[in-house]
Amino acid sequence: MITHPNVKINLGLNVLRKREDGFHDLETLFIPYFEIHDTLEIVTGDDYSRTSASIFARYSPEMIAQGISEDAKLMITIARKEGVDWDPLKDLTAKAYQILSEDHQMPPVKIFLEKTSPVGAGLGGGSADAAFALKMLNDLCGLGLSEHQLAAYAARLGSDCAFFIYNRPMTGEGRGEILSEYPIDITGYDIQVLTPEGVSVSTKDAYGGIRPHLPEMPLRDVLSRPVEEWDGLLVNDFEETVFAKYPELAAIKRSLYDSGAVYASMSGSGSALFALYRKDIL
C-alpha cells in the first residue's frame, strides 16, 4: 500500500497558557496542504515493494537509513536528500506500528518512507507520516479501528498527529489534539508555501521566550471575517520569538505582502511561511 502524506498549515496559532504537564494550551485552525508531501509504502510479510528499487536507485547510501526491530517484525527504510539524522526505529511511522502492537496482533511489516517534506518547518510532515501509517496499518491488518480510535492513537504520537487522521479543516485546542470540524471557504485564494533552505526551527527555539496570553479576539471570530481583514488580527504567537532569532524569516514575510499577498504568516512553530493571494488578481 502506497500513500502520499501531505503537510498542513496553521491559520492563526495562539499560545494561551502553560499547563501543569509542561505543555501549552493552544488554539489554531489546521488546513491540509497537498502540494508538499512524502511517499510512504507499507507491505506486510514478504510482499513485493513497489518503491524500494526506486529509492535505492535514486538515493546514495549516505542518504538512506535502515533499521530492524529486535523482534525482527519491523523493518524500516527512510530516504532523504539531506540525509537521515535520526534513528529510523524512532521515526514516528515506526512508533505508529509499535503502539498498535501493544493492543493488537500485528504481522511483520516493512516500511519505506521517502522523505521530501521539510523537517523543522512547522508543516507537520512527520506527524502526517505517523497518522497515515496508522491508517494504512489499520487497513492492511484489518484492525477495524474507527477514525476516532485512530485519532486517539495519533494523539499519543504528537500534538498535531490526530489532525492528519481526518485531514480536513479543523480547529485544534489543548495541545492541538482536541479537534473540531470547522468549514472554511478559501477557494477564492491561492495558497503558496515557502520553506527557506538552511533554516530549521527547533521546538526549543520556538518556545524560548514565548509569553502565553489570551488574544484580544477569539480565533473563530477572526476567521469569520473576510480574509482581507486577517492581517494584524489572525496571528501566530511564535513569530515574535522565531523572527527575533531568524530575522530573515521576518523579511520573507514582508516580501510576501510586497508581492501582493492579502495574508501571510508563519506556519506552526517552524520556518515555513505561507501566503494567500486572491485568484482573480494573480
C-alpha atoms as a PDB file:
ATOM      1  CA  MET A   1       0.000   0.000   0.000  1.00  0.00           C
ATOM      2  CA  ILE A   2       1.368   3.405  -1.007  1.00  0.00           C
ATOM      3  CA  THR A   3       0.151   6.820   0.142  1.00  0.00           C
ATOM      4  CA  HIS A   4       1.426  10.399  -0.026  1.00  0.00           C
ATOM      5  CA  PRO A   5       1.193  12.061   3.412  1.00  0.00           C
ATOM      6  CA  ASN A   6       0.587  15.761   2.882  1.00  0.00           C
ATOM      7  CA  VAL A   7       1.546  18.622   5.176  1.00  0.00           C
ATOM      8  CA  LYS A   8      -0.598  21.288   6.856  1.00  0.00           C
ATOM      9  CA  ILE A   9      -0.593  24.993   7.513  1.00  0.00           C
ATOM     10  CA  ASN A  10      -1.905  26.825  10.564  1.00  0.00           C
ATOM     11  CA  LEU A  11      -4.339  29.687  10.191  1.00  0.00           C
ATOM     12  CA  GLY A  12      -3.615  31.504  13.420  1.00  0.00           C
ATOM     13  CA  LEU A  13      -1.789  29.983  16.367  1.00  0.00           C
ATOM     14  CA  ASN A  14      -2.473  31.389  19.815  1.00  0.00           C
ATOM     15  CA  VAL A  15      -0.454  30.181  22.810  1.00  0.00           C
ATOM     16  CA  LEU A  16      -2.969  30.621  25.604  1.00  0.00           C
ATOM     17  CA  ARG A  17      -1.374  29.280  28.796  1.00  0.00           C
ATOM     18  CA  LYS A  18       1.222  26.883  30.158  1.00  0.00           C
ATOM     19  CA  ARG A  19      -0.162  23.653  31.570  1.00  0.00           C
ATOM     20  CA  GLU A  20       0.850  21.719  34.655  1.00  0.00           C
ATOM     21  CA  ASP A  21       2.147  18.887  32.435  1.00  0.00           C
ATOM     22  CA  GLY A  22       4.678  21.239  30.850  1.00  0.00           C
ATOM     23  CA  PHE A  23       2.814  21.611  27.572  1.00  0.00           C
ATOM     24  CA  HIS A  24       0.901  24.702  26.448  1.00  0.00           C
ATOM     25  CA  ASP A  25      -2.765  25.173  25.615  1.00  0.00           C
ATOM     26  CA  LEU A  26      -3.122  26.371  22.036  1.00  0.00           C
ATOM     27  CA  GLU A  27      -5.812  27.304  19.569  1.00  0.00           C
ATOM     28  CA  THR A  28      -5.344  27.129  15.812  1.00  0.00           C
ATOM     29  CA  LEU A  29      -7.022  26.122  12.576  1.00  0.00           C
ATOM     30  CA  PHE A  30      -5.344  23.271  10.718  1.00  0.00           C
ATOM     31  CA  ILE A  31      -5.662  23.300   6.928  1.00  0.00           C
ATOM     32  CA  PRO A  32      -4.325  20.417   4.788  1.00  0.00           C
ATOM     33  CA  TYR A  33      -1.853  21.450   2.092  1.00  0.00           C
ATOM     34  CA  PHE A  34      -1.421  18.849  -0.623  1.00  0.00           C
ATOM     35  CA  GLU A  35       1.315  20.404  -2.762  1.00  0.00           C
ATOM     36  CA  ILE A  36       4.050  19.187  -0.385  1.00  0.00           C
ATOM     37  CA  HIS A  37       4.065  15.533   0.608  1.00  0.00           C
ATOM     38  CA  ASP A  38       6.128  12.430   1.344  1.00  0.00           C
ATOM     39  CA  THR A  39       5.783   8.948  -0.142  1.00  0.00           C
ATOM     40  CA  LEU A  40       5.006   6.159   2.303  1.00  0.00           C
ATOM     41  CA  GLU A  41       4.733   2.465   1.484  1.00  0.00           C
ATOM     42  CA  ILE A  42       3.945  -0.325   3.933  1.00  0.00           C
ATOM     43  CA  VAL A  43       3.935  -4.002   2.966  1.00  0.00           C
ATOM     44  CA  THR A  44       3.208  -6.998   5.147  1.00  0.00           C
ATOM     45  CA  GLY A  45       5.316 -10.130   5.349  1.00  0.00           C
ATOM     46  CA  ASP A  46       7.282 -10.819   2.191  1.00  0.00           C
ATOM     47  CA  ASP A  47       5.005  -8.833  -0.106  1.00  0.00           C
ATOM     48  CA  TYR A  48       6.699  -7.069  -3.006  1.00  0.00           C
ATOM     49  CA  SER A  49       7.636  -3.415  -2.543  1.00  0.00           C
ATOM     50  CA  ARG A  50       6.962  -1.093  -5.473  1.00  0.00           C
ATOM     51  CA  THR A  51       9.106   1.769  -4.138  1.00  0.00           C
ATOM     52  CA  SER A  52      12.271   0.187  -2.720  1.00  0.00           C
ATOM     53  CA  ALA A  53      14.030  -0.330  -6.056  1.00  0.00           C
ATOM     54  CA  SER A  54      13.399   3.288  -7.000  1.00  0.00           C
ATOM     55  CA  ILE A  55      14.652   4.532  -3.628  1.00  0.00           C
ATOM     56  CA  PHE A  56      17.921   2.628  -3.835  1.00  0.00           C
ATOM     57  CA  ALA A  57      18.407   3.712  -7.437  1.00  0.00           C
ATOM     58  CA  ARG A  58      17.856   7.431  -6.814  1.00  0.00           C
ATOM     59  CA  TYR A  59      19.455   7.900  -3.394  1.00  0.00           C
ATOM     60  CA  SER A  60      23.080   7.336  -2.468  1.00  0.00           C
ATOM     61  CA  PRO A  61      23.838   5.168   0.601  1.00  0.00           C
ATOM     62  CA  GLU A  62      24.528   8.170   2.855  1.00  0.00           C
ATOM     63  CA  MET A  63      21.013   9.440   2.123  1.00  0.00           C
ATOM     64  CA  ILE A  64      19.351   6.211   3.312  1.00  0.00           C
ATOM     65  CA  ALA A  65      18.874   4.875   6.832  1.00  0.00           C
ATOM     66  CA  GLN A  66      17.501   1.474   7.773  1.00  0.00           C
ATOM     67  CA  GLY A  67      16.529  -0.258  10.976  1.00  0.00           C
ATOM     68  CA  ILE A  68      15.188  -3.619  12.116  1.00  0.00           C
ATOM     69  CA  SER A  69      13.387  -4.077  15.417  1.00  0.00           C
ATOM     70  CA  GLU A  70      14.761  -6.546  17.981  1.00  0.00           C
ATOM     71  CA  ASP A  71      11.942  -8.993  17.279  1.00  0.00           C
ATOM     72  CA  ALA A  72      12.524  -8.578  13.519  1.00  0.00           C
ATOM     73  CA  LYS A  73       8.836  -7.826  12.950  1.00  0.00           C
ATOM     74  CA  LEU A  74       9.513  -4.307  11.702  1.00  0.00           C
ATOM     75  CA  MET A  75      11.956  -3.217   9.033  1.00  0.00           C
ATOM     76  CA  ILE A  76      12.055   0.459   8.111  1.00  0.00           C
ATOM     77  CA  THR A  77      13.882   2.269   5.316  1.00  0.00           C
ATOM     78  CA  ILE A  78      13.988   6.078   5.143  1.00  0.00           C
ATOM     79  CA  ALA A  79      15.450   8.051   2.229  1.00  0.00           C
ATOM     80  CA  ARG A  80      16.061  11.794   2.324  1.00  0.00           C
ATOM     81  CA  LYS A  81      18.132  14.005   0.046  1.00  0.00           C
ATOM     82  CA  GLU A  82      19.681  15.810   3.016  1.00  0.00           C
ATOM     83  CA  GLY A  83      20.372  12.530   4.827  1.00  0.00           C
ATOM     84  CA  VAL A  84      18.588  10.964   7.790  1.00  0.00           C
ATOM     85  CA  ASP A  85      19.995  12.217  11.087  1.00  0.00           C
ATOM     86  CA  TRP A  86      17.629  10.294  13.366  1.00  0.00           C
ATOM     87  CA  ASP A  87      17.231   6.639  14.337  1.00  0.00           C
ATOM     88  CA  PRO A  88      14.775   5.075  11.850  1.00  0.00           C
ATOM     89  CA  LEU A  89      13.301   2.941  14.623  1.00  0.00           C
ATOM     90  CA  LYS A  90      12.402   6.164  16.459  1.00  0.00           C
ATOM     91  CA  ASP A  91      10.694   7.631  13.419  1.00  0.00           C
ATOM     92  CA  LEU A  92       7.012   8.309  14.058  1.00  0.00           C
ATOM     93  CA  THR A  93       5.997   5.757  11.421  1.00  0.00           C
ATOM     94  CA  ALA A  94       7.862   3.064  13.368  1.00  0.00           C
ATOM     95  CA  LYS A  95       6.279   4.291  16.596  1.00  0.00           C
ATOM     96  CA  ALA A  96       2.856   4.037  14.930  1.00  0.00           C
ATOM     97  CA  TYR A  97       3.453   0.326  14.354  1.00  0.00           C
ATOM     98  CA  GLN A  98       4.781  -0.106  17.881  1.00  0.00           C
ATOM     99  CA  ILE A  99       1.798   1.464  19.662  1.00  0.00           C
ATOM    100  CA  LEU A 100      -0.650  -0.591  17.613  1.00  0.00           C
ATOM    101  CA  SER A 101       1.370  -3.706  18.530  1.00  0.00           C
ATOM    102  CA  GLU A 102       0.689  -3.004  22.199  1.00  0.00           C
ATOM    103  CA  ASP A 103      -3.032  -3.671  21.692  1.00  0.00           C
ATOM    104  CA  HIS A 104      -3.250  -5.812  18.551  1.00  0.00           C
ATOM    105  CA  GLN A 105      -1.634  -8.846  16.980  1.00  0.00           C
ATOM    106  CA  MET A 106       0.390  -7.280  14.171  1.00  0.00           C
ATOM    107  CA  PRO A 107       2.070  -9.138  11.314  1.00  0.00           C
ATOM    108  CA  PRO A 108       5.669  -8.382  10.298  1.00  0.00           C
ATOM    109  CA  VAL A 109       5.812  -5.264   8.122  1.00  0.00           C
ATOM    110  CA  LYS A 110       8.274  -3.291   6.038  1.00  0.00           C
ATOM    111  CA  ILE A 111       8.022   0.491   5.929  1.00  0.00           C
ATOM    112  CA  PHE A 112       9.541   2.554   3.133  1.00  0.00           C
ATOM    113  CA  LEU A 113       9.490   6.329   3.607  1.00  0.00           C
ATOM    114  CA  GLU A 114      10.744   8.779   1.007  1.00  0.00           C
ATOM    115  CA  LYS A 115      11.055  11.998   2.987  1.00  0.00           C
ATOM    116  CA  THR A 116      10.631  15.044   0.738  1.00  0.00           C
ATOM    117  CA  SER A 117       8.673  17.351   3.061  1.00  0.00           C
ATOM    118  CA  PRO A 118      10.946  19.703   5.052  1.00  0.00           C
ATOM    119  CA  VAL A 119      11.998  18.896   8.607  1.00  0.00           C
ATOM    120  CA  GLY A 120      11.649  21.609  11.271  1.00  0.00           C
ATOM    121  CA  ALA A 121       9.481  23.794   9.061  1.00  0.00           C
ATOM    122  CA  GLY A 122       6.285  23.730  11.128  1.00  0.00           C
ATOM    123  CA  LEU A 123       4.344  21.905   8.401  1.00  0.00           C
ATOM    124  CA  GLY A 124       3.789  18.689  10.349  1.00  0.00           C
ATOM    125  CA  GLY A 125       5.371  16.327   7.840  1.00  0.00           C
ATOM    126  CA  GLY A 126       6.463  13.817  10.484  1.00  0.00           C
ATOM    127  CA  SER A 127       3.050  13.918  12.130  1.00  0.00           C
ATOM    128  CA  ALA A 128       1.407  13.289   8.765  1.00  0.00           C
ATOM    129  CA  ASP A 129       3.648  10.275   8.166  1.00  0.00           C
ATOM    130  CA  ALA A 130       2.635   8.845  11.544  1.00  0.00           C
ATOM    131  CA  ALA A 131      -1.091   9.368  11.007  1.00  0.00           C
ATOM    132  CA  PHE A 132      -1.006   7.926   7.506  1.00  0.00           C
ATOM    133  CA  ALA A 133       0.944   4.932   8.826  1.00  0.00           C
ATOM    134  CA  LEU A 134      -1.765   4.322  11.433  1.00  0.00           C
ATOM    135  CA  LYS A 135      -4.474   4.449   8.768  1.00  0.00           C
ATOM    136  CA  MET A 136      -2.526   2.185   6.422  1.00  0.00           C
ATOM    137  CA  LEU A 137      -1.781  -0.387   9.123  1.00  0.00           C
ATOM    138  CA  ASN A 138      -5.438  -0.328  10.146  1.00  0.00           C
ATOM    139  CA  ASP A 139      -6.439  -1.228   6.584  1.00  0.00           C
ATOM    140  CA  LEU A 140      -3.600  -3.652   5.842  1.00  0.00           C
ATOM    141  CA  CYS A 141      -4.027  -5.592   9.078  1.00  0.00           C
ATOM    142  CA  GLY A 142      -7.833  -5.477   9.195  1.00  0.00           C
ATOM    143  CA  LEU A 143      -7.926  -3.890  12.647  1.00  0.00           C
ATOM    144  CA  GLY A 144     -11.313  -2.250  12.062  1.00  0.00           C
ATOM    145  CA  LEU A 145     -10.453   0.891  14.041  1.00  0.00           C
ATOM    146  CA  SER A 146     -12.648   3.964  13.609  1.00  0.00           C
ATOM    147  CA  GLU A 147     -11.320   7.443  12.848  1.00  0.00           C
ATOM    148  CA  HIS A 148     -11.916   8.360  16.467  1.00  0.00           C
ATOM    149  CA  GLN A 149      -9.895   5.386  17.707  1.00  0.00           C
ATOM    150  CA  LEU A 150      -7.080   6.098  15.261  1.00  0.00           C
ATOM    151  CA  ALA A 151      -7.034   9.732  16.347  1.00  0.00           C
ATOM    152  CA  ALA A 152      -6.588   8.620  19.965  1.00  0.00           C
ATOM    153  CA  TYR A 153      -3.528   6.595  18.979  1.00  0.00           C
ATOM    154  CA  ALA A 154      -2.246   9.504  16.882  1.00  0.00           C
ATOM    155  CA  ALA A 155      -2.557  11.950  19.785  1.00  0.00           C
ATOM    156  CA  ARG A 156      -0.110   9.763  21.716  1.00  0.00           C
ATOM    157  CA  LEU A 157       2.487  10.265  18.987  1.00  0.00           C
ATOM    158  CA  GLY A 158       2.346  14.055  18.695  1.00  0.00           C
ATOM    159  CA  SER A 159       0.199  17.097  19.310  1.00  0.00           C
ATOM    160  CA  ASP A 160      -0.883  17.587  15.689  1.00  0.00           C
ATOM    161  CA  CYS A 161      -0.854  13.930  14.584  1.00  0.00           C
ATOM    162  CA  ALA A 162      -4.563  13.442  15.205  1.00  0.00           C
ATOM    163  CA  PHE A 163      -5.436  16.159  12.705  1.00  0.00           C
ATOM    164  CA  PHE A 164      -3.967  14.121   9.854  1.00  0.00           C
ATOM    165  CA  ILE A 165      -6.280  11.203  10.613  1.00  0.00           C
ATOM    166  CA  TYR A 166      -9.159  13.425   9.460  1.00  0.00           C
ATOM    167  CA  ASN A 167      -7.096  15.606   7.075  1.00  0.00           C
ATOM    168  CA  ARG A 168      -9.718  18.303   6.621  1.00  0.00           C
ATOM    169  CA  PRO A 169     -10.024  21.819   8.115  1.00  0.00           C
ATOM    170  CA  MET A 170     -10.337  21.528  11.887  1.00  0.00           C
ATOM    171  CA  THR A 171      -9.664  23.746  14.855  1.00  0.00           C
ATOM    172  CA  GLY A 172      -7.101  22.393  17.296  1.00  0.00           C
ATOM    173  CA  GLU A 173      -7.224  23.130  21.009  1.00  0.00           C
ATOM    174  CA  GLY A 174      -5.490  21.732  24.094  1.00  0.00           C
ATOM    175  CA  ARG A 175      -2.051  20.637  22.838  1.00  0.00           C
ATOM    176  CA  GLY A 176      -3.603  20.642  19.365  1.00  0.00           C
ATOM    177  CA  GLU A 177      -5.176  17.213  19.729  1.00  0.00           C
ATOM    178  CA  ILE A 178      -8.695  18.423  20.655  1.00  0.00           C
ATOM    179  CA  LEU A 179     -10.232  18.791  17.220  1.00  0.00           C
ATOM    180  CA  SER A 180     -13.475  20.242  15.925  1.00  0.00           C
ATOM    181  CA  GLU A 181     -14.796  20.471  12.383  1.00  0.00           C
ATOM    182  CA  TYR A 182     -14.503  23.988  11.023  1.00  0.00           C
ATOM    183  CA  PRO A 183     -15.778  24.537   7.484  1.00  0.00           C
ATOM    184  CA  ILE A 184     -13.930  27.429   5.893  1.00  0.00           C
ATOM    185  CA  ASP A 185     -14.128  28.595   2.309  1.00  0.00           C
ATOM    186  CA  ILE A 186     -10.886  29.990   0.945  1.00  0.00           C
ATOM    187  CA  THR A 187     -11.360  28.587  -2.555  1.00  0.00           C
ATOM    188  CA  GLY A 188     -11.042  32.100  -3.971  1.00  0.00           C
ATOM    189  CA  TYR A 189      -7.441  32.268  -2.818  1.00  0.00           C
ATOM    190  CA  ASP A 190      -4.260  30.604  -3.960  1.00  0.00           C
ATOM    191  CA  ILE A 191      -2.002  29.352  -1.147  1.00  0.00           C
ATOM    192  CA  GLN A 192       1.753  29.458  -1.636  1.00  0.00           C
ATOM    193  CA  VAL A 193       4.139  27.945   0.888  1.00  0.00           C
ATOM    194  CA  LEU A 194       7.821  28.840   1.202  1.00  0.00           C
ATOM    195  CA  THR A 195      10.343  26.693   3.062  1.00  0.00           C
ATOM    196  CA  PRO A 196      13.621  28.638   3.323  1.00  0.00           C
ATOM    197  CA  GLU A 197      16.642  26.408   2.771  1.00  0.00           C
ATOM    198  CA  GLY A 198      19.055  26.044   5.646  1.00  0.00           C
ATOM    199  CA  VAL A 199      16.625  27.252   8.319  1.00  0.00           C
ATOM    200  CA  SER A 200      15.207  24.664  10.703  1.00  0.00           C
ATOM    201  CA  VAL A 201      13.495  25.937  13.837  1.00  0.00           C
ATOM    202  CA  SER A 202      13.555  23.651  16.864  1.00  0.00           C
ATOM    203  CA  THR A 203      10.694  23.491  19.342  1.00  0.00           C
ATOM    204  CA  LYS A 204      13.098  24.846  21.975  1.00  0.00           C
ATOM    205  CA  ASP A 205      13.832  27.896  19.821  1.00  0.00           C
ATOM    206  CA  ALA A 206      10.152  28.488  19.132  1.00  0.00           C
ATOM    207  CA  TYR A 207       9.094  28.325  22.781  1.00  0.00           C
ATOM    208  CA  GLY A 208      12.095  30.262  24.075  1.00  0.00           C
ATOM    209  CA  GLY A 209      10.712  33.494  25.482  1.00  0.00           C
ATOM    210  CA  ILE A 210       7.117  32.764  24.439  1.00  0.00           C
ATOM    211  CA  ARG A 211       4.601  34.696  26.512  1.00  0.00           C
ATOM    212  CA  PRO A 212       1.266  32.860  26.761  1.00  0.00           C
ATOM    213  CA  HIS A 213      -1.764  35.144  26.718  1.00  0.00           C
ATOM    214  CA  LEU A 214      -5.387  35.274  25.686  1.00  0.00           C
ATOM    215  CA  PRO A 215      -5.924  37.000  22.320  1.00  0.00           C
ATOM    216  CA  GLU A 216      -7.919  40.190  22.068  1.00  0.00           C
ATOM    217  CA  MET A 217     -10.305  38.432  19.669  1.00  0.00           C
ATOM    218  CA  PRO A 218     -11.097  34.692  19.773  1.00  0.00           C
ATOM    219  CA  LEU A 219      -9.755  32.704  16.844  1.00  0.00           C
ATOM    220  CA  ARG A 220     -13.171  31.769  15.464  1.00  0.00           C
ATOM    221  CA  ASP A 221     -14.263  35.410  15.484  1.00  0.00           C
ATOM    222  CA  VAL A 222     -11.222  36.403  13.438  1.00  0.00           C
ATOM    223  CA  LEU A 223     -11.694  33.541  10.983  1.00  0.00           C
ATOM    224  CA  SER A 224     -15.291  34.603  10.391  1.00  0.00           C
ATOM    225  CA  ARG A 225     -14.058  37.912   8.954  1.00  0.00           C
ATOM    226  CA  PRO A 226     -13.046  38.369   5.297  1.00  0.00           C
ATOM    227  CA  VAL A 227      -9.504  37.202   4.547  1.00  0.00           C
ATOM    228  CA  GLU A 228      -8.555  40.785   3.659  1.00  0.00           C
ATOM    229  CA  GLU A 229      -9.120  41.718   7.328  1.00  0.00           C
ATOM    230  CA  TRP A 230      -6.940  38.967   8.819  1.00  0.00           C
ATOM    231  CA  ASP A 231      -3.654  40.856   8.757  1.00  0.00           C
ATOM    232  CA  GLY A 232      -2.941  42.031  12.309  1.00  0.00           C
ATOM    233  CA  LEU A 233      -5.831  40.024  13.762  1.00  0.00           C
ATOM    234  CA  LEU A 234      -5.014  36.420  12.801  1.00  0.00           C
ATOM    235  CA  VAL A 235      -1.621  35.961  14.418  1.00  0.00           C
ATOM    236  CA  ASN A 236       0.914  33.218  15.068  1.00  0.00           C
ATOM    237  CA  ASP A 237       2.326  33.846  18.533  1.00  0.00           C
ATOM    238  CA  PHE A 238       5.565  32.058  17.642  1.00  0.00           C
ATOM    239  CA  GLU A 239       6.510  34.744  15.141  1.00  0.00           C
ATOM    240  CA  GLU A 240       7.758  37.082  17.863  1.00  0.00           C
ATOM    241  CA  THR A 241      10.341  34.662  19.252  1.00  0.00           C
ATOM    242  CA  VAL A 242      11.258  32.966  15.958  1.00  0.00           C
ATOM    243  CA  PHE A 243      11.626  36.209  13.976  1.00  0.00           C
ATOM    244  CA  ALA A 244      13.879  37.618  16.718  1.00  0.00           C
ATOM    245  CA  LYS A 245      16.294  34.730  16.205  1.00  0.00           C
ATOM    246  CA  TYR A 246      15.805  34.386  12.454  1.00  0.00           C
ATOM    247  CA  PRO A 247      15.212  37.911  11.073  1.00  0.00           C
ATOM    248  CA  GLU A 248      15.450  36.558   7.524  1.00  0.00           C
ATOM    249  CA  LEU A 249      12.046  34.919   8.091  1.00  0.00           C
ATOM    250  CA  ALA A 250      10.511  38.279   9.014  1.00  0.00           C
ATOM    251  CA  ALA A 251      11.979  39.703   5.810  1.00  0.00           C
ATOM    252  CA  ILE A 252      10.411  36.893   3.779  1.00  0.00           C
ATOM    253  CA  LYS A 253       7.022  37.593   5.335  1.00  0.00           C
ATOM    254  CA  ARG A 254       7.311  41.260   4.378  1.00  0.00           C
ATOM    255  CA  SER A 255       8.257  40.262   0.834  1.00  0.00           C
ATOM    256  CA  LEU A 256       5.111  38.139   0.557  1.00  0.00           C
ATOM    257  CA  TYR A 257       2.945  41.161   1.318  1.00  0.00           C
ATOM    258  CA  ASP A 258       5.018  43.227  -1.106  1.00  0.00           C
ATOM    259  CA  SER A 259       4.276  40.637  -3.799  1.00  0.00           C
ATOM    260  CA  GLY A 260       0.517  41.124  -3.413  1.00  0.00           C
ATOM    261  CA  ALA A 261      -0.499  38.658  -0.706  1.00  0.00           C
ATOM    262  CA  VAL A 262      -3.648  39.553   1.212  1.00  0.00           C
ATOM    263  CA  TYR A 263      -2.471  37.489   4.182  1.00  0.00           C
ATOM    264  CA  ALA A 264       0.883  35.963   5.142  1.00  0.00           C
ATOM    265  CA  SER A 265       2.065  34.110   8.224  1.00  0.00           C
ATOM    266  CA  MET A 266       4.477  31.604   9.662  1.00  0.00           C
ATOM    267  CA  SER A 267       3.044  28.078   9.870  1.00  0.00           C
ATOM    268  CA  GLY A 268       3.195  26.239  13.168  1.00  0.00           C
ATOM    269  CA  SER A 269       6.397  26.733  15.137  1.00  0.00           C
ATOM    270  CA  GLY A 270       8.808  26.178  12.257  1.00  0.00           C
ATOM    271  CA  SER A 271      10.479  28.076   9.459  1.00  0.00           C
ATOM    272  CA  ALA A 272       7.852  27.741   6.726  1.00  0.00           C
ATOM    273  CA  LEU A 273       5.809  30.756   5.706  1.00  0.00           C
ATOM    274  CA  PHE A 274       2.714  30.876   3.563  1.00  0.00           C
ATOM    275  CA  ALA A 275       0.672  33.489   1.778  1.00  0.00           C
ATOM    276  CA  LEU A 276      -2.854  33.779   0.410  1.00  0.00           C
ATOM    277  CA  TYR A 277      -3.339  35.559  -2.924  1.00  0.00           C
ATOM    278  CA  ARG A 278      -6.655  36.392  -4.486  1.00  0.00           C
ATOM    279  CA  LYS A 279      -7.033  34.241  -7.577  1.00  0.00           C
ATOM    280  CA  ASP A 280      -8.777  36.944  -9.546  1.00  0.00           C
ATOM    281  CA  ILE A 281      -5.723  39.219  -9.379  1.00  0.00           C
ATOM    282  CA  LEU A 282      -2.945  36.680  -9.884  1.00  0.00           C
END
